[in-house]
Amino acid sequence: MHITILRHGKPDFEWQRTVKGSEFRSLEHAYDTAGIVGNPPEESLDLVNQHKCIVCSDLPRSLQSAKALGADSIHFSSAAFREMNLPYFDNVQIKLPLNYWVLLLRSLWFLGFSKNTESISIAKTRAKKASEKLIELANEHHSVLFVGHGFLNHFVAKELRGNNWLGPRSPGKKYWDYGTYEYI
């Protein structure tokens, strides 16, 4: 049995801009509804043919990435497989480059700040349940391709490795990066 965890393609979203902290609600919506731009690398294209079951989150960037890989159908899609969103402040008027905000807010999230999103402990529990679902599907189909998101992928991989699946410590951070986990 094996499960391959792949990060979605590059979102059609402008990262190079300066924004106010109070703009994150609309930024989150724009990012979550964005599709992808570009095509998958050659090495990723054959993944669909190597897996009998395709799993995605319900977000466009995950679903469109699976289609870009050549998936004819998605076997399972759920909000449970969404990215671990950033917390944010409601009324902060400070303007910073978006990349700075992301770094700051993700750091605060790891330290326990979770305003407007799930806490890290709830997110880890969701990752555990997501890994359990992937294992269930792998038991049924023998091979699963999960087209997921950066932080969730990392935590799902950690859960798999903790359950005696062999594979890389991280499935990769870049768009279209992937790691394969095997249960022997």
N, C-alpha and C. Protein backbone atom coordinates (compact mmCIF):
# COMPACT_ATOMS: atom_id res chain seq x y z
N MET A 1 0.85 -1.18 0.00
CA MET A 1 0.00 0.00 0.00
C MET A 1 0.88 1.24 0.00
N HIS A 2 0.43 2.24 -0.71
CA HIS A 2 1.14 3.51 -0.64
C HIS A 2 0.20 4.70 -0.80
N ILE A 3 0.63 5.79 -0.18
CA ILE A 3 -0.07 7.08 -0.23
C ILE A 3 0.94 8.12 -0.68
N THR A 4 0.61 8.83 -1.74
CA THR A 4 1.45 9.93 -2.18
C THR A 4 0.77 11.23 -1.81
N ILE A 5 1.52 12.10 -1.15
CA ILE A 5 1.02 13.41 -0.74
C ILE A 5 1.68 14.45 -1.63
N LEU A 6 0.88 15.19 -2.37
CA LEU A 6 1.38 16.18 -3.32
C LEU A 6 0.81 17.55 -2.98
N ARG A 7 1.65 18.56 -3.07
CA ARG A 7 1.15 19.93 -2.87
C ARG A 7 0.58 20.43 -4.19
N HIS A 8 -0.52 21.14 -4.12
CA HIS A 8 -1.20 21.70 -5.29
C HIS A 8 -0.28 22.60 -6.11
N GLY A 9 -0.72 22.95 -7.30
CA GLY A 9 0.01 23.88 -8.16
C GLY A 9 -0.04 25.30 -7.65
N LYS A 10 0.70 26.17 -8.30
CA LYS A 10 0.78 27.57 -7.89
C LYS A 10 -0.58 28.25 -8.00
N PRO A 11 -1.07 28.84 -6.90
CA PRO A 11 -2.38 29.51 -6.94
C PRO A 11 -2.34 30.78 -7.80
N ASP A 12 -3.46 31.07 -8.39
CA ASP A 12 -3.63 32.31 -9.16
C ASP A 12 -3.95 33.42 -8.16
N PHE A 13 -2.91 33.87 -7.47
CA PHE A 13 -3.06 34.79 -6.35
C PHE A 13 -1.81 35.66 -6.29
N GLU A 14 -1.99 36.95 -6.13
CA GLU A 14 -0.88 37.90 -6.09
C GLU A 14 -0.32 38.01 -4.68
N TRP A 15 0.91 37.53 -4.48
CA TRP A 15 1.56 37.57 -3.18
C TRP A 15 2.36 38.85 -2.97
N GLN A 16 2.83 39.45 -4.02
CA GLN A 16 3.73 40.60 -3.92
C GLN A 16 2.93 41.89 -3.79
N ARG A 17 2.44 42.16 -2.59
CA ARG A 17 1.68 43.38 -2.33
C ARG A 17 1.74 43.71 -0.85
N THR A 18 1.43 44.95 -0.55
CA THR A 18 1.37 45.41 0.83
C THR A 18 -0.10 45.52 1.22
N VAL A 19 -0.42 45.00 2.42
CA VAL A 19 -1.82 44.96 2.85
C VAL A 19 -1.94 45.35 4.32
N LYS A 20 -3.12 45.77 4.70
CA LYS A 20 -3.43 46.04 6.11
C LYS A 20 -3.82 44.72 6.77
N GLY A 21 -3.55 44.63 8.06
CA GLY A 21 -3.95 43.45 8.81
C GLY A 21 -5.45 43.21 8.75
N SER A 22 -6.22 44.28 8.64
CA SER A 22 -7.68 44.15 8.61
C SER A 22 -8.20 43.59 7.28
N GLU A 23 -7.34 43.43 6.29
CA GLU A 23 -7.76 42.92 4.98
C GLU A 23 -7.72 41.39 4.89
N PHE A 24 -7.33 40.71 5.95
CA PHE A 24 -7.12 39.27 5.85
C PHE A 24 -8.38 38.46 5.61
N ARG A 25 -9.52 38.92 6.08
CA ARG A 25 -10.75 38.17 5.82
C ARG A 25 -10.99 38.08 4.31
N SER A 26 -10.85 39.19 3.60
CA SER A 26 -11.07 39.16 2.14
C SER A 26 -9.91 38.46 1.43
N LEU A 27 -8.70 38.58 1.95
CA LEU A 27 -7.55 37.88 1.35
C LEU A 27 -7.72 36.36 1.48
N GLU A 28 -8.18 35.93 2.63
CA GLU A 28 -8.41 34.50 2.85
C GLU A 28 -9.43 33.97 1.85
N HIS A 29 -10.50 34.72 1.66
CA HIS A 29 -11.53 34.32 0.70
C HIS A 29 -10.97 34.27 -0.72
N ALA A 30 -10.20 35.29 -1.09
CA ALA A 30 -9.62 35.33 -2.44
C ALA A 30 -8.66 34.16 -2.65
N TYR A 31 -7.87 33.84 -1.65
CA TYR A 31 -6.93 32.73 -1.77
C TYR A 31 -7.67 31.40 -1.84
N ASP A 32 -8.69 31.24 -1.00
CA ASP A 32 -9.42 29.97 -0.97
C ASP A 32 -10.28 29.74 -2.22
N THR A 33 -10.59 30.78 -2.97
CA THR A 33 -11.37 30.60 -4.19
C THR A 33 -10.50 30.66 -5.45
N ALA A 34 -9.20 30.86 -5.27
CA ALA A 34 -8.29 30.94 -6.42
C ALA A 34 -8.05 29.56 -7.03
N GLY A 35 -7.94 29.57 -8.35
CA GLY A 35 -7.53 28.37 -9.06
C GLY A 35 -6.01 28.32 -9.12
N ILE A 36 -5.48 27.64 -10.13
CA ILE A 36 -4.03 27.55 -10.28
C ILE A 36 -3.60 28.13 -11.62
N VAL A 37 -2.32 28.45 -11.70
CA VAL A 37 -1.71 28.90 -12.95
C VAL A 37 -0.55 27.97 -13.27
N GLY A 38 -0.29 27.79 -14.55
CA GLY A 38 0.82 26.94 -14.96
C GLY A 38 0.45 25.47 -14.99
N ASN A 39 1.42 24.67 -15.40
CA ASN A 39 1.22 23.23 -15.55
C ASN A 39 2.15 22.46 -14.62
N PRO A 40 1.76 21.24 -14.27
CA PRO A 40 2.62 20.43 -13.41
C PRO A 40 3.91 20.03 -14.14
N PRO A 41 4.98 19.80 -13.39
CA PRO A 41 6.21 19.31 -14.02
C PRO A 41 6.01 17.87 -14.53
N GLU A 42 6.84 17.49 -15.48
CA GLU A 42 6.74 16.15 -16.09
C GLU A 42 6.75 15.05 -15.04
N GLU A 43 7.63 15.17 -14.03
CA GLU A 43 7.77 14.11 -13.03
C GLU A 43 6.50 13.89 -12.23
N SER A 44 5.64 14.89 -12.15
CA SER A 44 4.38 14.76 -11.40
C SER A 44 3.25 14.19 -12.25
N LEU A 45 3.36 14.33 -13.57
CA LEU A 45 2.26 13.95 -14.45
C LEU A 45 1.92 12.46 -14.41
N ASP A 46 2.89 11.63 -14.17
CA ASP A 46 2.64 10.18 -14.18
C ASP A 46 2.01 9.68 -12.88
N LEU A 47 1.95 10.55 -11.86
CA LEU A 47 1.42 10.12 -10.56
C LEU A 47 -0.02 9.61 -10.63
N VAL A 48 -0.84 10.26 -11.44
CA VAL A 48 -2.24 9.85 -11.54
C VAL A 48 -2.34 8.40 -12.01
N ASN A 49 -1.48 8.01 -12.94
CA ASN A 49 -1.51 6.65 -13.48
C ASN A 49 -1.01 5.62 -12.47
N GLN A 50 -0.29 6.06 -11.46
CA GLN A 50 0.27 5.15 -10.46
C GLN A 50 -0.66 4.95 -9.26
N HIS A 51 -1.79 5.64 -9.24
CA HIS A 51 -2.69 5.60 -8.08
C HIS A 51 -4.12 5.30 -8.52
N LYS A 52 -4.78 4.47 -7.74
CA LYS A 52 -6.15 4.07 -8.05
C LYS A 52 -7.19 4.99 -7.44
N CYS A 53 -6.79 5.81 -6.47
CA CYS A 53 -7.72 6.68 -5.76
C CYS A 53 -7.12 8.08 -5.67
N ILE A 54 -7.90 9.09 -6.05
CA ILE A 54 -7.46 10.48 -6.00
C ILE A 54 -8.29 11.20 -4.94
N VAL A 55 -7.59 11.89 -4.02
CA VAL A 55 -8.23 12.60 -2.92
C VAL A 55 -7.81 14.07 -2.97
N CYS A 56 -8.75 14.96 -2.75
CA CYS A 56 -8.48 16.41 -2.75
C CYS A 56 -9.25 17.08 -1.62
N SER A 57 -8.83 18.31 -1.34
CA SER A 57 -9.69 19.15 -0.51
C SER A 57 -10.81 19.64 -1.43
N ASP A 58 -11.72 20.41 -0.89
CA ASP A 58 -12.80 20.95 -1.72
C ASP A 58 -12.46 22.33 -2.28
N LEU A 59 -11.20 22.77 -2.15
CA LEU A 59 -10.80 24.08 -2.65
C LEU A 59 -10.36 23.99 -4.12
N PRO A 60 -10.64 25.04 -4.90
CA PRO A 60 -10.32 25.01 -6.33
C PRO A 60 -8.86 24.68 -6.64
N ARG A 61 -7.90 25.18 -5.86
CA ARG A 61 -6.50 24.93 -6.19
C ARG A 61 -6.13 23.46 -6.05
N SER A 62 -6.79 22.74 -5.17
CA SER A 62 -6.56 21.31 -5.02
C SER A 62 -7.24 20.54 -6.15
N LEU A 63 -8.51 20.84 -6.38
CA LEU A 63 -9.27 20.15 -7.43
C LEU A 63 -8.69 20.41 -8.82
N GLN A 64 -8.33 21.66 -9.11
CA GLN A 64 -7.77 21.99 -10.43
C GLN A 64 -6.39 21.36 -10.61
N SER A 65 -5.64 21.23 -9.55
CA SER A 65 -4.33 20.58 -9.63
C SER A 65 -4.49 19.11 -10.02
N ALA A 66 -5.46 18.43 -9.41
CA ALA A 66 -5.71 17.03 -9.77
C ALA A 66 -6.10 16.90 -11.24
N LYS A 67 -6.94 17.81 -11.70
CA LYS A 67 -7.34 17.80 -13.12
C LYS A 67 -6.14 18.08 -14.02
N ALA A 68 -5.26 19.02 -13.61
CA ALA A 68 -4.07 19.34 -14.40
C ALA A 68 -3.13 18.14 -14.49
N LEU A 69 -3.16 17.28 -13.48
CA LEU A 69 -2.35 16.06 -13.50
C LEU A 69 -2.95 14.98 -14.40
N GLY A 70 -4.20 15.20 -14.82
CA GLY A 70 -4.86 14.25 -15.70
C GLY A 70 -5.88 13.36 -15.03
N ALA A 71 -6.26 13.67 -13.80
CA ALA A 71 -7.26 12.86 -13.11
C ALA A 71 -8.61 12.99 -13.81
N ASP A 72 -9.19 11.86 -14.18
CA ASP A 72 -10.51 11.86 -14.81
C ASP A 72 -11.60 12.10 -13.78
N SER A 73 -11.37 11.61 -12.57
CA SER A 73 -12.35 11.80 -11.52
C SER A 73 -11.64 11.88 -10.16
N ILE A 74 -12.32 12.52 -9.24
CA ILE A 74 -11.84 12.63 -7.86
C ILE A 74 -12.67 11.65 -7.05
N HIS A 75 -12.02 10.73 -6.35
CA HIS A 75 -12.73 9.71 -5.59
C HIS A 75 -13.27 10.23 -4.26
N PHE A 76 -12.54 11.19 -3.67
CA PHE A 76 -12.98 11.72 -2.39
C PHE A 76 -12.49 13.15 -2.25
N SER A 77 -13.39 14.05 -1.88
CA SER A 77 -13.05 15.45 -1.68
C SER A 77 -13.81 15.95 -0.46
N SER A 78 -13.10 16.71 0.40
CA SER A 78 -13.73 17.15 1.63
C SER A 78 -13.04 18.39 2.18
N ALA A 79 -13.81 19.20 2.90
CA ALA A 79 -13.25 20.36 3.59
C ALA A 79 -12.27 19.93 4.68
N ALA A 80 -12.35 18.70 5.14
CA ALA A 80 -11.42 18.19 6.15
C ALA A 80 -9.99 18.17 5.64
N PHE A 81 -9.82 18.23 4.32
CA PHE A 81 -8.48 18.20 3.71
C PHE A 81 -7.99 19.59 3.32
N ARG A 82 -8.66 20.64 3.80
CA ARG A 82 -8.24 22.02 3.51
C ARG A 82 -6.96 22.38 4.26
N GLU A 83 -6.32 23.45 3.79
CA GLU A 83 -5.13 23.97 4.45
C GLU A 83 -5.46 24.47 5.85
N MET A 84 -4.46 24.55 6.68
CA MET A 84 -4.57 25.12 8.00
C MET A 84 -4.43 26.63 7.83
N ASN A 85 -5.55 27.33 7.89
CA ASN A 85 -5.55 28.77 7.61
C ASN A 85 -4.84 29.57 8.69
N LEU A 86 -4.48 30.78 8.30
CA LEU A 86 -3.82 31.70 9.22
C LEU A 86 -4.83 32.37 10.13
N PRO A 87 -4.41 32.68 11.35
CA PRO A 87 -5.24 33.54 12.19
C PRO A 87 -5.07 34.97 11.67
N TYR A 88 -5.94 35.86 12.09
CA TYR A 88 -5.76 37.26 11.72
C TYR A 88 -6.53 38.16 12.68
N PHE A 89 -6.10 39.41 12.70
CA PHE A 89 -6.74 40.44 13.52
C PHE A 89 -7.85 41.07 12.71
N ASP A 90 -8.88 41.56 13.37
CA ASP A 90 -10.01 42.15 12.66
C ASP A 90 -9.80 43.61 12.28
N ASN A 91 -9.15 44.38 13.11
CA ASN A 91 -9.11 45.83 12.90
C ASN A 91 -7.71 46.43 12.90
N VAL A 92 -6.71 45.71 12.51
CA VAL A 92 -5.35 46.24 12.49
C VAL A 92 -5.12 46.99 11.19
N GLN A 93 -4.77 48.27 11.30
CA GLN A 93 -4.58 49.12 10.12
C GLN A 93 -3.13 49.19 9.64
N ILE A 94 -2.24 48.50 10.32
CA ILE A 94 -0.83 48.49 9.93
C ILE A 94 -0.69 47.81 8.56
N LYS A 95 0.10 48.45 7.67
CA LYS A 95 0.35 47.89 6.35
C LYS A 95 1.75 47.27 6.32
N LEU A 96 1.80 46.02 5.85
CA LEU A 96 3.06 45.30 5.70
C LEU A 96 3.00 44.50 4.41
N PRO A 97 4.16 44.11 3.88
CA PRO A 97 4.14 43.18 2.75
C PRO A 97 3.41 41.90 3.16
N LEU A 98 2.63 41.36 2.27
CA LEU A 98 1.83 40.18 2.58
C LEU A 98 2.71 39.04 3.09
N ASN A 99 3.87 38.84 2.51
CA ASN A 99 4.76 37.76 2.97
C ASN A 99 5.17 37.95 4.43
N TYR A 100 5.35 39.20 4.88
CA TYR A 100 5.67 39.46 6.28
C TYR A 100 4.49 39.09 7.18
N TRP A 101 3.29 39.49 6.74
CA TRP A 101 2.09 39.14 7.51
C TRP A 101 1.99 37.62 7.66
N VAL A 102 2.21 36.90 6.56
CA VAL A 102 2.08 35.43 6.60
C VAL A 102 3.08 34.85 7.61
N LEU A 103 4.31 35.30 7.55
CA LEU A 103 5.33 34.81 8.48
C LEU A 103 4.96 35.14 9.92
N LEU A 104 4.54 36.38 10.17
CA LEU A 104 4.16 36.80 11.51
C LEU A 104 2.96 36.01 12.03
N LEU A 105 1.91 35.92 11.22
CA LEU A 105 0.68 35.25 11.67
C LEU A 105 0.87 33.74 11.84
N ARG A 106 1.67 33.11 10.97
CA ARG A 106 1.91 31.67 11.13
C ARG A 106 2.73 31.43 12.40
N SER A 107 3.69 32.30 12.67
CA SER A 107 4.49 32.18 13.90
C SER A 107 3.60 32.33 15.13
N LEU A 108 2.71 33.32 15.11
CA LEU A 108 1.78 33.52 16.23
C LEU A 108 0.85 32.31 16.39
N TRP A 109 0.43 31.72 15.27
CA TRP A 109 -0.44 30.53 15.31
C TRP A 109 0.27 29.39 16.03
N PHE A 110 1.55 29.18 15.70
CA PHE A 110 2.32 28.13 16.37
C PHE A 110 2.47 28.40 17.86
N LEU A 111 2.40 29.68 18.23
CA LEU A 111 2.51 30.06 19.64
C LEU A 111 1.15 30.07 20.36
N GLY A 112 0.06 29.77 19.65
CA GLY A 112 -1.24 29.66 20.29
C GLY A 112 -2.28 30.69 19.88
N PHE A 113 -1.93 31.68 19.07
CA PHE A 113 -2.90 32.68 18.62
C PHE A 113 -3.74 32.06 17.50
N SER A 114 -5.08 32.05 17.67
CA SER A 114 -5.93 31.40 16.67
C SER A 114 -7.20 32.20 16.34
N LYS A 115 -7.14 33.51 16.52
CA LYS A 115 -8.32 34.33 16.22
C LYS A 115 -8.73 34.14 14.76
N ASN A 116 -10.00 33.88 14.53
CA ASN A 116 -10.59 33.70 13.20
C ASN A 116 -10.18 32.42 12.48
N THR A 117 -9.61 31.46 13.19
CA THR A 117 -9.27 30.17 12.59
C THR A 117 -9.20 29.11 13.67
N GLU A 118 -8.95 27.88 13.27
CA GLU A 118 -8.82 26.79 14.23
C GLU A 118 -7.47 26.88 14.95
N SER A 119 -7.43 26.39 16.17
CA SER A 119 -6.18 26.37 16.92
C SER A 119 -5.25 25.31 16.34
N ILE A 120 -3.99 25.39 16.70
CA ILE A 120 -3.04 24.39 16.21
C ILE A 120 -3.42 23.00 16.71
N SER A 121 -3.92 22.88 17.93
CA SER A 121 -4.29 21.54 18.43
C SER A 121 -5.49 20.98 17.66
N ILE A 122 -6.45 21.81 17.33
CA ILE A 122 -7.59 21.34 16.52
C ILE A 122 -7.12 20.99 15.11
N ALA A 123 -6.20 21.79 14.56
CA ALA A 123 -5.66 21.51 13.22
C ALA A 123 -4.91 20.18 13.21
N LYS A 124 -4.15 19.90 14.26
CA LYS A 124 -3.43 18.63 14.34
C LYS A 124 -4.40 17.46 14.44
N THR A 125 -5.48 17.66 15.17
CA THR A 125 -6.51 16.61 15.27
C THR A 125 -7.14 16.37 13.90
N ARG A 126 -7.38 17.45 13.17
CA ARG A 126 -7.94 17.31 11.81
C ARG A 126 -6.96 16.57 10.89
N ALA A 127 -5.67 16.87 11.02
CA ALA A 127 -4.65 16.17 10.23
C ALA A 127 -4.62 14.69 10.57
N LYS A 128 -4.80 14.38 11.84
CA LYS A 128 -4.83 12.96 12.26
C LYS A 128 -6.03 12.26 11.61
N LYS A 129 -7.19 12.91 11.63
CA LYS A 129 -8.38 12.31 11.01
C LYS A 129 -8.20 12.20 9.50
N ALA A 130 -7.57 13.19 8.88
CA ALA A 130 -7.31 13.14 7.44
C ALA A 130 -6.39 11.96 7.11
N SER A 131 -5.36 11.76 7.93
CA SER A 131 -4.46 10.63 7.68
C SER A 131 -5.19 9.30 7.86
N GLU A 132 -6.08 9.24 8.84
CA GLU A 132 -6.87 8.02 9.04
C GLU A 132 -7.76 7.73 7.82
N LYS A 133 -8.33 8.78 7.24
CA LYS A 133 -9.16 8.60 6.04
C LYS A 133 -8.30 8.13 4.87
N LEU A 134 -7.11 8.71 4.72
CA LEU A 134 -6.21 8.28 3.64
C LEU A 134 -5.80 6.82 3.82
N ILE A 135 -5.54 6.41 5.05
CA ILE A 135 -5.19 5.01 5.32
C ILE A 135 -6.37 4.10 4.99
N GLU A 136 -7.56 4.51 5.38
CA GLU A 136 -8.77 3.74 5.06
C GLU A 136 -8.90 3.57 3.54
N LEU A 137 -8.69 4.65 2.79
CA LEU A 137 -8.78 4.58 1.34
C LEU A 137 -7.65 3.74 0.75
N ALA A 138 -6.47 3.79 1.34
CA ALA A 138 -5.35 2.97 0.88
C ALA A 138 -5.64 1.49 1.12
N ASN A 139 -6.27 1.18 2.23
CA ASN A 139 -6.66 -0.22 2.49
C ASN A 139 -7.63 -0.72 1.43
N GLU A 140 -8.50 0.16 0.98
CA GLU A 140 -9.50 -0.22 -0.02
C GLU A 140 -8.94 -0.23 -1.44
N HIS A 141 -8.12 0.76 -1.79
CA HIS A 141 -7.66 0.94 -3.18
C HIS A 141 -6.18 0.59 -3.39
N HIS A 142 -5.42 0.40 -2.33
CA HIS A 142 -3.99 0.06 -2.34
C HIS A 142 -3.07 1.22 -2.69
N SER A 143 -3.57 2.21 -3.40
CA SER A 143 -2.73 3.37 -3.74
C SER A 143 -3.60 4.62 -3.79
N VAL A 144 -3.14 5.66 -3.10
CA VAL A 144 -3.90 6.91 -2.99
C VAL A 144 -2.98 8.08 -3.33
N LEU A 145 -3.48 8.99 -4.16
CA LEU A 145 -2.81 10.26 -4.41
C LEU A 145 -3.64 11.34 -3.74
N PHE A 146 -3.03 12.01 -2.77
CA PHE A 146 -3.69 13.12 -2.08
C PHE A 146 -3.10 14.42 -2.58
N VAL A 147 -3.93 15.23 -3.23
CA VAL A 147 -3.52 16.54 -3.72
C VAL A 147 -3.94 17.55 -2.66
N GLY A 148 -2.98 17.91 -1.82
CA GLY A 148 -3.29 18.71 -0.65
C GLY A 148 -2.58 20.05 -0.60
N HIS A 149 -2.35 20.51 0.61
CA HIS A 149 -1.86 21.85 0.90
C HIS A 149 -0.64 21.78 1.82
N GLY A 150 0.20 22.78 1.77
CA GLY A 150 1.48 22.81 2.46
C GLY A 150 1.51 22.33 3.90
N PHE A 151 0.89 23.07 4.81
CA PHE A 151 0.98 22.71 6.22
C PHE A 151 0.20 21.44 6.53
N LEU A 152 -0.97 21.27 5.95
CA LEU A 152 -1.73 20.05 6.20
C LEU A 152 -0.93 18.84 5.72
N ASN A 153 -0.32 18.94 4.54
CA ASN A 153 0.49 17.83 4.03
C ASN A 153 1.58 17.44 5.03
N HIS A 154 2.24 18.44 5.57
CA HIS A 154 3.32 18.17 6.54
C HIS A 154 2.78 17.40 7.75
N PHE A 155 1.66 17.85 8.30
CA PHE A 155 1.12 17.20 9.48
C PHE A 155 0.54 15.82 9.17
N VAL A 156 -0.04 15.63 7.98
CA VAL A 156 -0.53 14.31 7.58
C VAL A 156 0.66 13.35 7.43
N ALA A 157 1.74 13.82 6.81
CA ALA A 157 2.94 12.98 6.66
C ALA A 157 3.48 12.57 8.03
N LYS A 158 3.48 13.50 8.96
CA LYS A 158 3.95 13.21 10.32
C LYS A 158 3.09 12.12 10.96
N GLU A 159 1.77 12.20 10.76
CA GLU A 159 0.86 11.18 11.29
C GLU A 159 1.12 9.82 10.65
N LEU A 160 1.31 9.80 9.34
CA LEU A 160 1.58 8.53 8.65
C LEU A 160 2.86 7.90 9.19
N ARG A 161 3.92 8.69 9.29
CA ARG A 161 5.19 8.17 9.79
C ARG A 161 5.05 7.68 11.23
N GLY A 162 4.22 8.35 12.01
CA GLY A 162 3.96 7.91 13.39
C GLY A 162 3.18 6.62 13.46
N ASN A 163 2.56 6.23 12.34
CA ASN A 163 1.80 4.98 12.26
C ASN A 163 2.54 3.94 11.42
N ASN A 164 3.87 4.05 11.41
CA ASN A 164 4.75 3.06 10.77
C ASN A 164 4.71 3.04 9.25
N TRP A 165 4.34 4.14 8.64
CA TRP A 165 4.45 4.27 7.19
C TRP A 165 5.85 4.80 6.90
N LEU A 166 6.49 4.27 5.90
CA LEU A 166 7.84 4.68 5.52
C LEU A 166 7.77 5.74 4.43
N GLY A 167 8.51 6.80 4.62
CA GLY A 167 8.52 7.87 3.62
C GLY A 167 9.33 9.04 4.13
N PRO A 168 9.44 10.07 3.31
CA PRO A 168 10.23 11.23 3.71
C PRO A 168 9.62 11.97 4.90
N ARG A 169 10.47 12.66 5.61
CA ARG A 169 9.99 13.44 6.76
C ARG A 169 8.96 14.48 6.33
N SER A 170 9.19 15.07 5.17
CA SER A 170 8.25 16.05 4.62
C SER A 170 7.98 15.71 3.16
N PRO A 171 6.73 15.86 2.72
CA PRO A 171 6.43 15.60 1.32
C PRO A 171 6.89 16.72 0.39
N GLY A 172 7.44 17.79 0.93
CA GLY A 172 7.93 18.90 0.12
C GLY A 172 7.14 20.17 0.37
N LYS A 173 7.80 21.30 0.17
CA LYS A 173 7.18 22.59 0.44
C LYS A 173 6.76 23.34 -0.81
N LYS A 174 7.40 23.07 -1.93
CA LYS A 174 7.13 23.82 -3.15
C LYS A 174 5.87 23.28 -3.84
N TYR A 175 5.29 24.11 -4.70
CA TYR A 175 4.15 23.67 -5.48
C TYR A 175 4.55 22.46 -6.32
N TRP A 176 3.69 21.46 -6.37
CA TRP A 176 3.86 20.20 -7.09
C TRP A 176 4.85 19.25 -6.43
N ASP A 177 5.47 19.63 -5.30
CA ASP A 177 6.34 18.69 -4.59
C ASP A 177 5.49 17.56 -4.02
N TYR A 178 6.10 16.40 -3.89
CA TYR A 178 5.36 15.27 -3.32
C TYR A 178 6.30 14.30 -2.62
N GLY A 179 5.71 13.48 -1.79
CA GLY A 179 6.41 12.39 -1.12
C GLY A 179 5.50 11.18 -1.08
N THR A 180 6.09 10.01 -1.21
CA THR A 180 5.31 8.76 -1.19
C THR A 180 5.61 8.00 0.10
N TYR A 181 4.55 7.51 0.70
CA TYR A 181 4.61 6.79 1.98
C TYR A 181 4.09 5.38 1.78
N GLU A 182 4.86 4.41 2.24
CA GLU A 182 4.48 3.00 2.05
C GLU A 182 4.29 2.31 3.38
N TYR A 183 3.34 1.43 3.40
CA TYR A 183 3.11 0.60 4.58
C TYR A 183 3.47 -0.83 4.20
N ILE A 184 4.44 -1.36 4.92
CA ILE A 184 4.93 -2.72 4.57
C ILE A 184 4.54 -3.70 5.65
